[in-house]
Protein backbone atom coordinates (compact mmCIF):
# COMPACT_ATOMS: atom_id res chain seq x y z
CA MET A 1 0.04 -0.12 -0.08
CA PHE A 2 2.71 2.40 0.79
CA SER A 3 4.68 1.97 -2.49
CA GLY A 4 1.56 2.35 -4.47
CA CYS A 5 0.90 5.89 -2.45
CA MET A 6 4.39 6.87 -3.06
CA THR A 7 4.23 5.73 -6.43
CA PHE A 8 0.95 7.83 -7.22
CA ILE A 9 2.45 11.04 -5.18
CA SER A 10 5.54 10.83 -7.19
CA PHE A 11 3.55 10.60 -10.49
CA ILE A 12 1.63 13.33 -9.74
CA ILE A 13 4.59 15.64 -8.62
CA CYS A 14 6.83 14.86 -11.47
CA GLY A 15 3.86 15.16 -13.97
CA ILE A 16 3.18 18.60 -12.79
CA VAL A 17 7.02 19.70 -13.46
CA PRO A 18 6.75 20.14 -17.31
CA LEU A 19 4.05 22.12 -17.46
CA LEU A 20 5.28 24.57 -14.57
CA VAL A 21 6.85 26.84 -16.96
CA TYR A 22 3.90 27.05 -18.99
CA MET A 23 1.69 28.12 -15.71
CA PHE A 24 3.96 30.59 -14.40
CA VAL A 25 5.53 32.32 -17.59
CA ASP A 26 3.91 34.97 -20.11
CA ILE A 27 3.77 32.61 -23.34
CA HIS A 28 4.01 36.30 -25.11
CA SER A 29 6.99 37.36 -23.55
CA SER A 30 9.12 34.49 -24.40
CA SER A 31 9.64 32.49 -27.32
CA GLY A 32 7.75 29.04 -27.10
CA ASP A 33 11.33 27.08 -28.24
CA THR A 34 12.71 28.56 -24.85
CA ASN A 35 9.79 27.23 -22.72
CA PHE A 36 9.99 23.97 -24.16
CA TYR A 37 13.70 24.01 -23.50
CA ILE A 38 13.51 25.35 -20.20
CA SER A 39 10.43 22.46 -19.13
CA ILE A 40 13.02 19.87 -20.79
CA GLY A 41 15.47 20.70 -18.22
CA MET A 42 13.34 21.00 -15.25
CA THR A 43 11.47 17.28 -16.31
CA ALA A 44 15.27 15.93 -16.42
CA SER A 45 16.61 17.40 -13.21
CA ALA A 46 13.31 16.42 -11.54
CA LEU A 47 13.66 12.92 -12.81
CA PHE A 48 17.37 13.01 -11.15
CA LEU A 49 15.90 14.05 -7.94
CA LEU A 50 13.34 11.00 -7.76
CA GLY A 51 16.22 8.94 -8.79
CA VAL A 52 18.16 10.08 -5.93
CA LEU A 53 15.26 10.20 -3.49
CA LYS A 54 14.60 6.98 -4.21
CA VAL A 55 17.81 5.75 -3.07
CA CYS A 56 18.26 7.93 0.25
CA HIS A 57 14.63 6.99 1.69
CA PHE A 58 13.76 3.57 0.17
CA ASP A 59 16.91 1.64 -0.44
CA MET A 60 18.80 1.83 2.64
CA PRO A 61 21.19 -0.97 3.77
CA SER A 62 18.37 -1.77 6.46
CA PHE A 63 16.15 -2.69 3.54
CA GLN A 64 18.39 -4.60 1.14
CA SER A 65 22.20 -5.88 1.71
CA LEU A 66 25.09 -3.87 1.14
CA ALA A 67 26.03 -5.48 -1.60
CA SER A 68 23.40 -4.24 -3.87
CA TYR A 69 23.53 -0.76 -2.51
CA VAL A 70 23.27 1.55 -5.47
CA SER A 71 25.13 5.41 -5.57
CA TRP A 72 22.91 8.13 -5.44
CA TYR A 73 24.47 9.46 -8.42
CA ARG A 74 24.04 6.53 -9.97
CA SER A 75 20.31 6.17 -9.41
CA GLY A 76 19.38 9.71 -10.62
CA LEU A 77 21.45 9.35 -13.63
CA SER A 78 19.64 6.06 -14.05
CA ILE A 79 16.04 7.05 -13.64
CA MET A 80 17.01 10.57 -15.50
CA VAL A 81 18.15 9.00 -18.76
CA LEU A 82 15.17 6.07 -18.69
CA GLY A 83 13.04 8.79 -18.42
CA CYS A 84 14.39 10.92 -21.10
CA ILE A 85 14.35 7.89 -23.26
CA ALA A 86 10.48 7.26 -22.86
CA ALA A 87 9.72 10.92 -23.06
CA GLY A 88 11.73 11.11 -26.48
CA ALA A 89 10.07 8.00 -27.56
CA ALA A 90 6.52 9.60 -26.74
CA TYR A 91 7.41 12.72 -28.24
CA GLY A 92 8.52 10.83 -31.68
CA ILE A 93 5.73 8.68 -32.11
CA SER A 94 3.30 11.88 -31.46
CA ALA A 95 4.99 13.84 -34.18
CA LEU A 96 4.34 10.65 -36.35
CA ALA A 97 1.07 10.45 -35.94
CA GLU A 98 0.75 13.90 -36.13
CA TYR A 99 2.26 13.75 -39.56
CA ALA A 100 0.12 10.52 -40.60
CA VAL A 101 -3.11 12.59 -39.84
CA ALA A 102 -2.22 16.01 -41.19
CA SER A 103 -1.28 14.32 -44.58
CA LYS A 104 -4.61 11.67 -44.36
CA ILE A 105 -6.42 14.95 -43.90
CA GLU A 106 -4.23 17.29 -46.66
CA CYS A 107 -5.10 14.17 -48.80
CA HIS A 108 -8.77 14.62 -48.00
CA LEU A 109 -8.91 18.10 -48.69
CA LEU A 110 -7.29 18.04 -52.20
CA ASN A 111 -9.78 15.01 -53.04
CA PRO A 112 -13.08 15.31 -51.13
CA ALA A 113 -14.98 12.91 -52.90
CA GLY A 114 -12.44 9.84 -51.72
CA ASN A 115 -11.94 9.13 -55.88
CA ASP A 116 -8.50 7.87 -57.20
CA THR A 117 -7.71 10.12 -59.89
CA THR A 118 -4.60 8.52 -60.55
CA THR A 119 -4.32 6.38 -63.33
CA VAL A 120 -2.24 3.49 -63.62
CA THR A 121 -0.75 2.44 -66.67
CA SER A 122 1.42 -1.07 -67.56
């Protein structure tokens, strides 16, 4: 039960971090790209902190053997890298989906009847 509650709280806190820059910065005063890069940096920092807290509070030697103890910076880097890979994959998949939907809409706008106007010659 405790582990599930901590996962939920971590999800809520870390899920809000990428949005903070958009909540507190005037969108018209800065570039959208700048806000995006600040959001990426804040998210990477939050993931690193999550990895550090994981080791400092939940993986103490009293809960596991000393032989399997992981250093705080290694745990932080591990969580940060895995989180960044997952975020990059999600961003890439959404960009592909957006491209596919946009090209489908463009094809429909050019040919609303759905007729294939191309001819195939052999």
